[in-house]
Amino acid sequence: MEEMEEELKCPVCGSFYREPIILPCSHNLCQACARNILVQTPESESPQSRRASGSGVSDYDYLDLDKMSLYSEADSGYGSYGGFASAPTTPCQKSPNGVRVFPPAMPPPPTHLSPALAPVPRNSCITCPQCHRSLILDDRGLRGFPKNRVLEGVIDRYQQSKAAALKCQLCEKAPKEATVMCEQCDVFYCDPCRLRCHPPRGPLAKHRLVPPAQGRVSRRLSPRKVSTCTDHELENHSMYCVQCKMPVCYQCLEEGKHSSHEVKALGAMWKLHKVVRDQISHCTVKLRQTTGLMEYCLEVIKENDPSGFLQISDALIRRVHLTEDQWGKGTLTPRMTTDFDLSLDNSPLLQSIHQLDFVQVKVAWFAFDPGSAHSDIIFSNDNLTVTCSSYDDRVVLGKTGFSKGVHYWELTIDRYDNHPDPAFGVARIDVMKDVMLGKDDKAWAMYVDNNRSWFMHNNSHTNRTEGGITKGATIGVLLDLNRKTLTFFINNEQQGPIAFENVEGLFFPAVSLNRNVQVTLHTGLPVPDFYSSRASIA
């Protein structure tokens, strides 16, 4: 459970969440921390003024992302929030756990009310320190954000289990709570046992005593040991044999088989291959983060609060999909020189991610995938909206592949000029990207114009249907891998019978279009009610 701890800490204060609230972007903040990072926006940016001007906004209106200066890990940690021309710049700082946050321009006025109930300045804006999305609060202020009761419960259980584990190891009967840990003895002591068994005199006076929590961490970090030569046990490794690719000692060079080989100083080779250590560190961080997410998910599943669970389950589903995508795409492929052969076996962890199941989830959240798309595809709106720079048809796939279950997603036509023929459907990962979807045997698609639609696979056209698309139309794609069928809809009306049958394997959502078309993807949608009823009867 210790790997889960970072999941339970606020990105602003770095401590365990206190009265956590859920932002619309699904990230969490302490109520007090949320208030501390509020900034006030000009009147022209308020939801009321936008409604008065006729522009539609939601209760929590997200500001344009291009108003935010984003920072890489290489910068100094300071910058400015340049979101409003009339607003004073505010320094961007790092929280205790390294996440950049935007503090208020002036400290909040003193109040005896809780952070959620205290009045919020008019036109207040809050920026999520994790995804950097900004939103303007409505009249409810922080009261409009739901409380994450499930997260509070997980934190309580975690802290109780952690406190229970730190007991004295020398108490004979009922162990008392440990007060210190000796790093040299590697033992947790309560005060009476420490005075009796570890007096601060003689050789023990030089031992380092640390708080129990710090001692737990130091236990996991084993000290670096000086390695000795396997052939000469009394000699330490001091050189590196380039030909044999192994550390050696001086005696090996004088009398052993390495005497005629090229050797280099061990320290110099250690620095030369720093990329290996960096990669190990990178992989270790990713493994710890993923393990922490898995442990947190398992704790969430234990909750018996249905409304609290459903309140956060969608956000966790998206995070699991994102983590799975990172592992599946080889994000952690080791980068190294040819002198080393280092591999990372992620199959057990990937299998565990696949086994995470939130009440038999039947919806999936995903976006379009820039990594596998044709180079002419243009992305926007967090990779949910695509168009093309070419007059020829180009293919783009979704980030998530499906091999089982029932899945439904929609695409809205944002722009439709000069009567092009966009195509929508599913495809294998190795589908051709420079022709219309359905031209090869790797895709199953429906392509449409302004009057008709056709189904196409392997350049074979079937079932011409009256009824096309215009700007604002909605295309629905229903992939039922339980029944091995693919069905299409235009504006909630099914196009012909089932488009394709006997579809099985791994499929990715797919679209082909040219520069005359722009579409936006909508995911996380439930299966249409009429289809669910029909499937249950069947």
Protein backbone atom coordinates (compact mmCIF):
# COMPACT_ATOMS: atom_id res chain seq x y z
CA MET A 1 0.00 0.00 0.00
CA GLU A 2 2.96 2.34 0.42
CA GLU A 3 3.24 2.88 -3.34
CA MET A 4 -0.27 4.35 -3.24
CA GLU A 5 0.74 7.23 -0.99
CA GLU A 6 1.37 9.73 -3.81
CA GLU A 7 -2.17 9.12 -5.06
CA LEU A 8 -3.44 10.34 -1.71
CA LYS A 9 -1.50 13.61 -1.55
CA CYS A 10 -2.66 17.03 -2.69
CA PRO A 11 -0.63 18.42 -5.63
CA VAL A 12 -0.58 21.85 -3.98
CA CYS A 13 0.40 21.26 -0.34
CA GLY A 14 2.02 17.85 -0.79
CA SER A 15 0.17 16.47 2.26
CA PHE A 16 -2.67 13.99 2.49
CA TYR A 17 -5.88 15.44 1.11
CA ARG A 18 -8.01 17.27 3.67
CA GLU A 19 -11.67 17.64 2.69
CA PRO A 20 -10.86 16.91 -0.98
CA ILE A 21 -13.05 18.31 -3.75
CA ILE A 22 -13.28 17.08 -7.34
CA LEU A 23 -12.62 19.58 -10.15
CA PRO A 24 -14.47 19.19 -13.48
CA CYS A 25 -11.22 17.83 -14.97
CA SER A 26 -11.50 14.93 -12.44
CA HIS A 27 -8.43 15.93 -10.43
CA ASN A 28 -8.64 16.55 -6.69
CA LEU A 29 -7.62 19.39 -4.38
CA CYS A 30 -7.92 20.13 -0.68
CA GLN A 31 -10.65 22.69 -0.09
CA ALA A 32 -8.19 25.04 1.58
CA CYS A 33 -5.64 24.61 -1.20
CA ALA A 34 -8.28 25.27 -3.84
CA ARG A 35 -9.07 28.57 -2.20
CA ASN A 36 -5.39 29.43 -1.89
CA ILE A 37 -4.80 29.20 -5.65
CA LEU A 38 -7.83 31.20 -6.77
CA VAL A 39 -7.15 34.24 -8.93
CA GLN A 40 -9.60 37.01 -9.82
CA THR A 41 -10.42 37.62 -13.49
CA PRO A 42 -11.62 40.79 -15.20
CA GLU A 43 -15.38 41.35 -15.51
CA SER A 44 -15.20 40.67 -19.26
CA GLU A 45 -14.11 37.08 -18.59
CA SER A 46 -16.95 36.21 -16.20
CA PRO A 47 -19.64 33.67 -17.10
CA GLN A 48 -22.31 36.32 -16.62
CA SER A 49 -20.71 38.67 -19.13
CA ARG A 50 -20.23 35.82 -21.59
CA ARG A 51 -23.87 34.81 -21.30
CA ALA A 52 -24.88 38.42 -21.77
CA SER A 53 -22.79 38.59 -24.94
CA GLY A 54 -24.50 35.45 -26.29
CA SER A 55 -21.60 32.99 -26.01
CA GLY A 56 -22.56 29.68 -24.46
CA VAL A 57 -20.73 28.61 -21.36
CA SER A 58 -21.17 25.87 -18.84
CA ASP A 59 -21.50 26.36 -15.09
CA TYR A 60 -17.75 26.06 -14.87
CA ASP A 61 -16.37 27.73 -17.94
CA TYR A 62 -12.94 26.55 -19.08
CA LEU A 63 -10.63 29.25 -20.30
CA ASP A 64 -8.70 28.78 -23.52
CA LEU A 65 -5.61 26.71 -22.95
CA ASP A 66 -3.52 29.06 -25.05
CA LYS A 67 -3.96 31.64 -22.30
CA MET A 68 -1.78 29.55 -20.06
CA SER A 69 2.01 29.49 -20.16
CA LEU A 70 3.05 25.87 -19.77
CA TYR A 71 6.43 24.93 -18.35
CA SER A 72 8.69 21.97 -18.93
CA GLU A 73 10.63 20.16 -16.24
CA ALA A 74 13.76 21.92 -17.47
CA ASP A 75 12.72 25.40 -16.47
CA SER A 76 13.52 27.05 -13.24
CA GLY A 77 10.04 26.62 -11.80
CA TYR A 78 9.07 30.26 -12.10
CA GLY A 79 7.03 31.97 -14.76
CA SER A 80 3.89 34.02 -15.07
CA TYR A 81 0.21 33.55 -15.57
CA GLY A 82 -0.57 35.68 -18.60
CA GLY A 83 -4.21 34.77 -18.98
CA PHE A 84 -5.64 38.26 -18.85
CA ALA A 85 -4.29 41.41 -20.34
CA SER A 86 -5.51 43.53 -17.46
CA ALA A 87 -4.57 41.11 -14.70
CA PRO A 88 -1.26 41.47 -12.89
CA THR A 89 1.20 38.67 -13.50
CA THR A 90 1.42 36.13 -10.71
CA PRO A 91 4.54 34.05 -10.06
CA CYS A 92 4.27 30.34 -10.85
CA GLN A 93 5.81 28.24 -8.12
CA LYS A 94 6.30 24.57 -7.31
CA SER A 95 4.39 22.80 -4.58
CA PRO A 96 6.22 20.45 -2.17
CA ASN A 97 5.76 17.52 -4.58
CA GLY A 98 7.00 19.40 -7.64
CA VAL A 99 3.69 20.34 -9.28
CA ARG A 100 3.49 23.95 -10.43
CA VAL A 101 0.74 26.00 -8.85
CA PHE A 102 -0.50 29.53 -9.29
CA PRO A 103 -0.91 31.35 -5.95
CA PRO A 104 -3.35 34.24 -5.57
CA ALA A 105 -2.21 37.79 -6.28
CA MET A 106 -3.07 38.71 -2.68
CA PRO A 107 -3.74 36.62 0.46
CA PRO A 108 -7.40 35.78 1.13
CA PRO A 109 -9.13 37.80 3.83
CA PRO A 110 -9.33 36.17 7.27
CA THR A 111 -12.56 34.31 7.93
CA HIS A 112 -13.93 31.95 10.55
CA LEU A 113 -15.78 29.91 7.91
CA SER A 114 -14.51 26.70 6.33
CA PRO A 115 -12.76 27.06 2.94
CA ALA A 116 -15.84 25.77 1.12
CA LEU A 117 -18.30 28.11 2.87
CA ALA A 118 -16.17 31.25 2.96
CA PRO A 119 -17.15 33.83 0.32
CA VAL A 120 -15.18 33.70 -2.92
CA PRO A 121 -14.23 36.90 -4.76
CA ARG A 122 -16.38 37.68 -7.76
CA ASN A 123 -15.18 36.24 -11.09
CA SER A 124 -12.71 33.91 -9.39
CA CYS A 125 -10.71 31.52 -11.57
CA ILE A 126 -8.93 28.32 -10.54
CA THR A 127 -6.25 26.48 -12.50
CA CYS A 128 -5.77 22.76 -11.95
CA PRO A 129 -2.09 22.30 -10.98
CA GLN A 130 -1.98 18.87 -12.63
CA CYS A 131 -3.54 19.35 -16.09
CA HIS A 132 -3.34 23.20 -16.14
CA ARG A 133 -6.95 23.59 -17.24
CA SER A 134 -8.47 26.86 -16.04
CA LEU A 135 -12.09 27.47 -15.17
CA ILE A 136 -14.16 30.36 -13.87
CA LEU A 137 -16.27 29.69 -10.79
CA ASP A 138 -19.96 30.51 -10.74
CA ASP A 139 -21.87 32.06 -7.85
CA ARG A 140 -21.62 28.85 -5.82
CA GLY A 141 -17.86 29.18 -5.56
CA LEU A 142 -16.13 26.17 -4.07
CA ARG A 143 -19.47 24.82 -2.83
CA GLY A 144 -20.22 23.84 -6.42
CA PHE A 145 -17.50 21.18 -6.43
CA PRO A 146 -18.49 17.72 -5.11
CA LYS A 147 -16.60 16.30 -2.15
CA ASN A 148 -14.60 13.14 -2.77
CA ARG A 149 -15.85 11.00 0.10
CA VAL A 150 -14.29 7.86 -1.35
CA LEU A 151 -10.84 9.43 -1.35
CA GLU A 152 -11.30 10.52 2.28
CA GLY A 153 -12.21 6.95 3.22
CA VAL A 154 -9.18 5.50 1.44
CA ILE A 155 -6.90 8.01 3.20
CA ASP A 156 -8.35 7.12 6.60
CA ARG A 157 -7.79 3.40 6.04
CA TYR A 158 -4.29 4.01 4.71
CA GLN A 159 -3.26 6.14 7.68
CA GLN A 160 -4.71 3.63 10.13
CA SER A 161 -2.86 0.73 8.50
CA LYS A 162 0.35 2.75 8.38
CA ALA A 163 0.13 3.73 12.03
CA ALA A 164 -0.68 0.17 13.04
CA ALA A 165 2.37 -1.18 11.25
CA LEU A 166 4.89 1.02 13.08
CA LYS A 167 5.14 -0.95 16.30
CA CYS A 168 8.11 -1.70 18.51
CA GLN A 169 9.87 -4.91 17.47
CA LEU A 170 11.28 -5.72 20.89
CA CYS A 171 8.17 -5.57 23.09
CA GLU A 172 7.56 -9.10 24.38
CA LYS A 173 3.75 -8.98 24.73
CA ALA A 174 1.58 -6.19 23.35
CA PRO A 175 3.89 -4.13 21.10
CA LYS A 176 3.84 -0.42 21.84
CA GLU A 177 3.96 2.28 19.22
CA ALA A 178 7.47 2.78 17.86
CA THR A 179 9.04 6.17 18.47
CA VAL A 180 12.38 5.74 16.66
CA MET A 181 14.17 3.44 14.27
CA CYS A 182 17.90 2.77 14.35
CA GLU A 183 19.29 2.79 10.82
CA GLN A 184 22.32 0.71 11.79
CA CYS A 185 20.38 -1.91 13.79
CA ASP A 186 17.39 -1.78 11.41
CA VAL A 187 15.03 -2.08 14.38
CA PHE A 188 11.97 -0.08 15.50
CA TYR A 189 12.01 0.82 19.21
CA CYS A 190 9.48 2.21 21.66
CA ASP A 191 10.94 4.52 24.32
CA PRO A 192 11.27 1.89 27.10
CA CYS A 193 12.90 -0.68 24.79
CA ARG A 194 15.22 1.96 23.35
CA LEU A 195 16.46 2.95 26.80
CA ARG A 196 16.84 -0.70 27.82
CA CYS A 197 18.31 -2.21 24.62
CA HIS A 198 19.84 0.74 22.80
CA PRO A 199 21.42 3.09 25.37
CA PRO A 200 23.05 6.24 23.92
CA ARG A 201 26.56 5.33 25.03
CA GLY A 202 29.54 3.33 23.87
CA PRO A 203 29.42 2.11 20.24
CA LEU A 204 25.65 2.67 20.13
CA ALA A 205 26.11 6.39 20.64
CA LYS A 206 27.18 6.72 17.01
CA HIS A 207 24.04 5.04 15.65
CA ARG A 208 21.55 7.24 13.84
CA LEU A 209 18.01 7.23 15.22
CA VAL A 210 15.26 8.51 12.92
CA PRO A 211 11.45 8.86 13.17
CA PRO A 212 9.57 5.64 12.36
CA ALA A 213 8.09 6.95 9.09
CA GLN A 214 11.52 7.99 7.84
CA GLY A 215 12.92 4.66 8.94
CA ARG A 216 10.33 2.82 6.88
CA VAL A 217 11.48 4.69 3.80
CA SER A 218 15.16 4.07 4.51
CA ARG A 219 14.46 0.35 4.85
CA ARG A 220 13.33 0.28 1.23
CA LEU A 221 16.47 2.06 0.07
CA SER A 222 19.28 -0.45 0.54
CA PRO A 223 22.72 1.16 0.79
CA ARG A 224 25.20 0.70 -2.01
CA LYS A 225 27.60 -2.08 -1.20
CA VAL A 226 31.23 -2.36 -2.30
CA SER A 227 31.45 -5.43 -4.53
CA THR A 228 34.39 -7.77 -4.31
CA CYS A 229 35.97 -9.81 -7.06
CA THR A 230 34.60 -13.33 -7.48
CA ASP A 231 38.09 -14.69 -8.27
CA HIS A 232 39.90 -12.70 -5.56
CA GLU A 233 37.57 -12.31 -2.60
CA LEU A 234 39.81 -9.89 -0.73
CA GLU A 235 40.00 -7.44 -3.64
CA ASN A 236 37.40 -4.84 -4.54
CA HIS A 237 36.39 -4.16 -8.11
CA SER A 238 38.30 -1.14 -9.34
CA MET A 239 38.47 -1.43 -13.15
CA TYR A 240 36.17 -2.38 -16.02
CA CYS A 241 37.21 -4.84 -18.75
CA VAL A 242 35.86 -3.49 -22.04
CA GLN A 243 36.32 -6.79 -23.91
CA CYS A 244 34.60 -8.98 -21.31
CA LYS A 245 32.16 -6.23 -20.25
CA MET A 246 32.62 -6.90 -16.55
CA PRO A 247 34.26 -5.24 -13.53
CA VAL A 248 37.65 -6.60 -12.43
CA CYS A 249 40.21 -6.01 -9.69
CA TYR A 250 43.91 -5.15 -9.90
CA GLN A 251 44.91 -8.75 -9.20
CA CYS A 252 42.87 -9.88 -12.22
CA LEU A 253 44.92 -7.57 -14.41
CA GLU A 254 48.24 -8.75 -13.02
CA GLU A 255 47.75 -12.50 -13.10
CA GLY A 256 44.36 -13.33 -14.57
CA LYS A 257 42.79 -13.66 -18.02
CA HIS A 258 42.20 -9.89 -18.30
CA SER A 259 45.88 -8.96 -18.28
CA SER A 260 45.98 -8.29 -22.04
CA HIS A 261 42.49 -6.77 -22.34
CA GLU A 262 41.57 -3.11 -22.64
CA VAL A 263 40.42 -1.79 -19.27
CA LYS A 264 38.99 1.50 -18.06
CA ALA A 265 38.48 3.03 -14.66
CA LEU A 266 35.33 1.72 -13.03
CA GLY A 267 34.14 5.19 -12.03
CA ALA A 268 34.64 6.55 -15.54
CA MET A 269 32.58 3.73 -17.09
CA TRP A 270 29.90 4.23 -14.46
CA LYS A 271 29.53 7.88 -15.52
CA LEU A 272 29.78 6.97 -19.23
CA HIS A 273 26.74 4.73 -18.93
CA LYS A 274 24.70 7.16 -16.89
CA VAL A 275 21.92 6.74 -19.47
CA VAL A 276 21.31 3.26 -18.08
CA ARG A 277 20.95 4.56 -14.54
CA ASP A 278 18.69 7.35 -15.75
CA GLN A 279 16.50 4.85 -17.60
CA ILE A 280 16.29 2.59 -14.57
CA SER A 281 15.28 5.58 -12.48
CA HIS A 282 12.69 6.58 -15.07
CA CYS A 283 11.25 3.07 -15.22
CA THR A 284 11.23 2.82 -11.45
CA VAL A 285 9.26 6.05 -11.14
CA LYS A 286 6.73 4.87 -13.73
CA LEU A 287 6.42 1.49 -12.05
CA ARG A 288 5.88 3.12 -8.66
CA GLN A 289 3.27 5.50 -10.08
CA THR A 290 1.41 2.70 -11.86
CA THR A 291 1.56 0.42 -8.84
CA GLY A 292 0.25 3.26 -6.70
CA LEU A 293 -2.63 3.81 -9.11
CA MET A 294 -3.49 0.10 -9.04
CA GLU A 295 -3.44 -0.02 -5.24
CA TYR A 296 -5.65 3.08 -5.09
CA CYS A 297 -8.11 1.54 -7.57
CA LEU A 298 -8.32 -1.63 -5.51
CA GLU A 299 -9.03 0.42 -2.39
CA VAL A 300 -11.73 2.36 -4.22
CA ILE A 301 -13.42 -0.88 -5.28
CA LYS A 302 -13.76 -1.80 -1.60
CA GLU A 303 -15.98 1.24 -0.95
CA ASN A 304 -19.62 0.53 -0.18
CA ASP A 305 -20.78 4.07 -1.01
CA PRO A 306 -22.44 3.76 -4.47
CA SER A 307 -22.82 7.49 -5.13
CA GLY A 308 -19.28 8.26 -3.98
CA PHE A 309 -17.89 5.48 -6.14
CA LEU A 310 -19.80 6.49 -9.26
CA GLN A 311 -18.69 10.07 -8.70
CA ILE A 312 -15.03 9.20 -9.32
CA SER A 313 -15.17 5.95 -11.31
CA ASP A 314 -15.16 7.67 -14.72
CA ALA A 315 -12.02 9.61 -13.86
CA LEU A 316 -10.28 6.43 -12.69
CA ILE A 317 -11.31 4.61 -15.85
CA ARG A 318 -9.71 7.35 -17.95
CA ARG A 319 -6.52 7.18 -15.91
CA VAL A 320 -6.33 3.39 -16.25
CA HIS A 321 -6.80 3.68 -20.02
CA LEU A 322 -4.08 6.34 -20.20
CA THR A 323 -1.68 4.22 -18.14
CA GLU A 324 -2.43 1.17 -20.28
CA ASP A 325 -1.80 3.24 -23.39
CA GLN A 326 1.58 4.43 -22.07
CA TRP A 327 2.73 0.87 -21.35
CA GLY A 328 1.29 -0.54 -24.56
CA LYS A 329 2.97 2.07 -26.74
CA GLY A 330 6.40 1.28 -25.35
CA THR A 331 6.81 4.62 -23.59
CA LEU A 332 9.21 2.90 -21.23
CA THR A 333 11.33 1.20 -23.91
CA PRO A 334 14.85 1.30 -22.45
CA ARG A 335 17.26 3.79 -24.05
CA MET A 336 20.83 2.54 -23.77
CA THR A 337 24.12 2.02 -25.52
CA THR A 338 25.03 -1.22 -27.25
CA ASP A 339 27.35 -2.05 -24.36
CA PHE A 340 24.38 -2.98 -22.19
CA ASP A 341 21.48 -5.32 -22.66
CA LEU A 342 18.72 -4.02 -20.41
CA SER A 343 15.09 -5.05 -20.80
CA LEU A 344 11.97 -4.31 -18.79
CA ASP A 345 9.38 -7.04 -18.39
CA ASN A 346 6.11 -5.13 -18.05
CA SER A 347 3.81 -8.04 -18.89
CA PRO A 348 2.74 -8.84 -15.28
CA LEU A 349 1.92 -5.18 -14.60
CA LEU A 350 0.12 -4.80 -17.93
CA GLN A 351 -1.89 -7.92 -17.18
CA SER A 352 -2.88 -6.48 -13.80
CA ILE A 353 -4.03 -3.26 -15.46
CA HIS A 354 -6.16 -5.25 -17.89
CA GLN A 355 -7.75 -7.09 -14.97
CA LEU A 356 -8.97 -3.90 -13.29
CA ASP A 357 -12.74 -3.97 -13.61
CA PHE A 358 -15.08 -1.20 -12.45
CA VAL A 359 -18.56 -2.69 -12.22
CA GLN A 360 -18.24 -4.32 -15.65
CA VAL A 361 -17.59 -0.97 -17.34
CA LYS A 362 -19.11 -0.76 -20.82
CA VAL A 363 -17.88 2.69 -21.79
CA ALA A 364 -14.40 3.73 -22.84
CA TRP A 365 -12.75 7.15 -22.91
CA PHE A 366 -10.22 7.79 -25.65
CA ALA A 367 -8.98 10.37 -28.12
CA PHE A 368 -7.44 10.27 -31.58
CA ASP A 369 -3.86 9.01 -31.75
CA PRO A 370 -1.28 11.42 -33.29
CA GLY A 371 1.40 8.75 -33.10
CA SER A 372 -0.22 6.38 -35.60
CA ALA A 373 -2.02 8.92 -37.81
CA HIS A 374 -1.03 10.05 -41.29
CA SER A 375 1.23 13.10 -41.18
CA ASP A 376 -1.39 15.23 -42.99
CA ILE A 377 -3.90 14.89 -40.14
CA ILE A 378 -4.31 18.06 -38.03
CA PHE A 379 -5.24 17.69 -34.34
CA SER A 380 -6.90 20.10 -31.90
CA ASN A 381 -9.13 20.09 -28.81
CA ASP A 382 -6.93 17.67 -26.85
CA ASN A 383 -6.80 15.34 -29.88
CA LEU A 384 -10.59 15.01 -29.96
CA THR A 385 -11.01 17.09 -33.14
CA VAL A 386 -9.29 16.32 -36.46
CA THR A 387 -9.13 17.64 -40.01
CA CYS A 388 -6.60 17.26 -42.81
CA SER A 389 -4.20 19.44 -44.79
CA SER A 390 -4.56 17.36 -47.99
CA TYR A 391 -7.32 17.05 -50.59
CA ASP A 392 -6.67 13.28 -50.52
CA ASP A 393 -8.25 11.03 -47.90
CA ARG A 394 -6.08 10.35 -44.83
CA VAL A 395 -6.69 7.94 -41.94
CA VAL A 396 -6.50 8.54 -38.18
CA LEU A 397 -7.10 5.91 -35.46
CA GLY A 398 -8.32 6.13 -31.88
CA LYS A 399 -5.88 5.55 -29.06
CA THR A 400 -7.79 2.60 -27.58
CA GLY A 401 -8.22 -0.80 -29.19
CA PHE A 402 -11.10 -3.18 -28.44
CA SER A 403 -11.11 -6.98 -28.50
CA LYS A 404 -14.21 -7.73 -26.41
CA GLY A 405 -17.35 -6.09 -25.08
CA VAL A 406 -19.86 -3.64 -26.57
CA HIS A 407 -18.62 -0.13 -27.44
CA TYR A 408 -20.33 2.95 -28.84
CA TRP A 409 -18.90 6.31 -29.86
CA GLU A 410 -20.05 9.28 -31.93
CA LEU A 411 -18.50 11.85 -34.25
CA THR A 412 -20.03 15.23 -35.00
CA ILE A 413 -19.44 16.92 -38.36
CA ASP A 414 -18.00 20.35 -37.53
CA ARG A 415 -17.28 21.34 -41.14
CA TYR A 416 -18.45 19.85 -44.44
CA ASP A 417 -17.48 21.70 -47.66
CA ASN A 418 -17.69 20.72 -51.36
CA HIS A 419 -19.43 17.35 -50.73
CA PRO A 420 -16.47 15.14 -49.69
CA ASP A 421 -16.81 11.45 -48.71
CA PRO A 422 -15.51 10.94 -45.15
CA ALA A 423 -15.50 7.38 -43.84
CA PHE A 424 -16.06 6.11 -40.30
CA GLY A 425 -15.56 2.69 -38.75
CA VAL A 426 -12.91 0.44 -37.24
CA ALA A 427 -9.53 -0.79 -38.43
CA ARG A 428 -6.52 -2.89 -37.56
CA ILE A 429 -3.46 -1.05 -36.27
CA ASP A 430 -1.63 -1.63 -39.59
CA VAL A 431 -4.38 -0.21 -41.85
CA MET A 432 -3.27 1.87 -44.85
CA LYS A 433 -3.21 5.54 -43.83
CA ASP A 434 -3.10 7.23 -47.26
CA VAL A 435 -6.35 5.94 -48.81
CA MET A 436 -10.03 6.04 -47.90
CA LEU A 437 -10.96 3.84 -44.95
CA GLY A 438 -12.22 0.48 -46.22
CA LYS A 439 -10.06 0.37 -49.36
CA ASP A 440 -7.93 -2.44 -47.92
CA ASP A 441 -8.73 -5.57 -45.91
CA LYS A 442 -7.70 -3.92 -42.62
CA ALA A 443 -10.75 -1.66 -42.22
CA TRP A 444 -14.55 -1.94 -42.00
CA ALA A 445 -16.24 1.40 -42.71
CA MET A 446 -19.24 3.44 -43.75
CA TYR A 447 -18.47 6.30 -46.11
CA VAL A 448 -21.01 9.04 -46.75
CA ASP A 449 -21.71 12.08 -48.90
CA ASN A 450 -24.49 14.63 -48.66
CA ASN A 451 -27.13 12.18 -50.04
CA ARG A 452 -26.15 8.55 -49.47
CA SER A 453 -23.99 6.17 -47.45
CA TRP A 454 -22.22 2.90 -48.31
CA PHE A 455 -20.50 0.14 -46.35
CA MET A 456 -17.02 -0.78 -47.55
CA HIS A 457 -14.40 -3.42 -46.74
CA ASN A 458 -11.46 -4.46 -48.90
CA ASN A 459 -12.67 -2.01 -51.59
CA SER A 460 -15.99 -3.85 -51.84
CA HIS A 461 -19.12 -1.65 -51.63
CA THR A 462 -22.36 -2.93 -50.12
CA ASN A 463 -25.81 -1.67 -49.10
CA ARG A 464 -26.26 1.79 -50.54
CA THR A 465 -28.58 3.72 -48.20
CA GLU A 466 -30.41 6.99 -48.83
CA GLY A 467 -29.61 9.75 -46.37
CA GLY A 468 -26.30 11.61 -46.14
CA ILE A 469 -24.66 14.17 -43.89
CA THR A 470 -24.31 17.92 -43.55
CA LYS A 471 -22.57 20.19 -41.08
CA GLY A 472 -23.81 19.37 -37.56
CA ALA A 473 -24.71 15.75 -38.32
CA THR A 474 -23.80 13.00 -35.85
CA ILE A 475 -22.30 9.66 -36.85
CA GLY A 476 -22.70 6.77 -34.39
CA VAL A 477 -20.51 3.65 -34.46
CA LEU A 478 -21.58 0.56 -32.49
CA LEU A 479 -19.02 -2.24 -32.19
CA ASP A 480 -20.50 -5.35 -30.54
CA LEU A 481 -17.67 -7.85 -30.14
CA ASN A 482 -19.90 -10.15 -28.11
CA ARG A 483 -22.10 -10.66 -31.19
CA LYS A 484 -19.24 -9.87 -33.63
CA THR A 485 -21.19 -7.10 -35.41
CA LEU A 486 -20.61 -3.51 -36.54
CA THR A 487 -23.54 -1.09 -36.94
CA PHE A 488 -23.69 2.58 -38.05
CA PHE A 489 -26.07 5.44 -37.28
CA ILE A 490 -26.64 8.94 -38.70
CA ASN A 491 -28.47 11.32 -36.39
CA ASN A 492 -29.62 8.37 -34.22
CA GLU A 493 -31.10 6.48 -37.21
CA GLN A 494 -29.58 3.11 -38.07
CA GLN A 495 -28.16 2.94 -41.59
CA GLY A 496 -29.47 -0.22 -43.20
CA PRO A 497 -29.17 -3.59 -41.44
CA ILE A 498 -26.07 -4.67 -39.51
CA ALA A 499 -23.18 -3.40 -41.62
CA PHE A 500 -20.66 -6.16 -40.93
CA GLU A 501 -20.79 -9.53 -39.20
CA ASN A 502 -18.15 -11.99 -37.99
CA VAL A 503 -15.81 -9.19 -36.93
CA GLU A 504 -13.37 -10.44 -34.33
CA GLY A 505 -9.89 -9.56 -33.17
CA LEU A 506 -8.43 -6.23 -32.07
CA PHE A 507 -10.05 -3.12 -33.59
CA PHE A 508 -9.33 0.59 -33.28
CA PRO A 509 -11.88 3.36 -33.95
CA ALA A 510 -10.96 4.94 -37.30
CA VAL A 511 -11.83 7.87 -39.57
CA SER A 512 -10.67 8.95 -43.02
CA LEU A 513 -11.19 12.51 -44.27
CA ASN A 514 -9.68 15.30 -46.34
CA ARG A 515 -9.29 19.03 -45.85
CA ASN A 516 -12.97 19.70 -46.57
CA VAL A 517 -14.10 17.91 -43.41
CA GLN A 518 -13.57 18.42 -39.69
CA VAL A 519 -14.99 16.04 -37.07
CA THR A 520 -15.02 15.86 -33.26
CA LEU A 521 -14.96 12.59 -31.33
CA HIS A 522 -17.31 11.89 -28.39
CA THR A 523 -16.51 8.88 -26.19
CA GLY A 524 -17.53 7.43 -22.86
CA LEU A 525 -21.07 7.04 -24.18
CA PRO A 526 -23.42 4.29 -23.05
CA VAL A 527 -24.79 1.82 -25.57
CA PRO A 528 -28.10 3.15 -26.99
CA ASP A 529 -31.10 1.93 -24.99
CA PHE A 530 -32.91 0.38 -27.93
CA TYR A 531 -29.85 -1.70 -28.81
CA SER A 532 -29.34 -2.83 -25.19
CA SER A 533 -32.96 -4.02 -25.06
CA ARG A 534 -32.66 -5.84 -28.36
CA ALA A 535 -29.38 -7.48 -27.36
CA SER A 536 -30.85 -8.71 -24.04
CA ILE A 537 -33.79 -10.29 -25.90
CA ALA A 538 -31.43 -11.95 -28.36
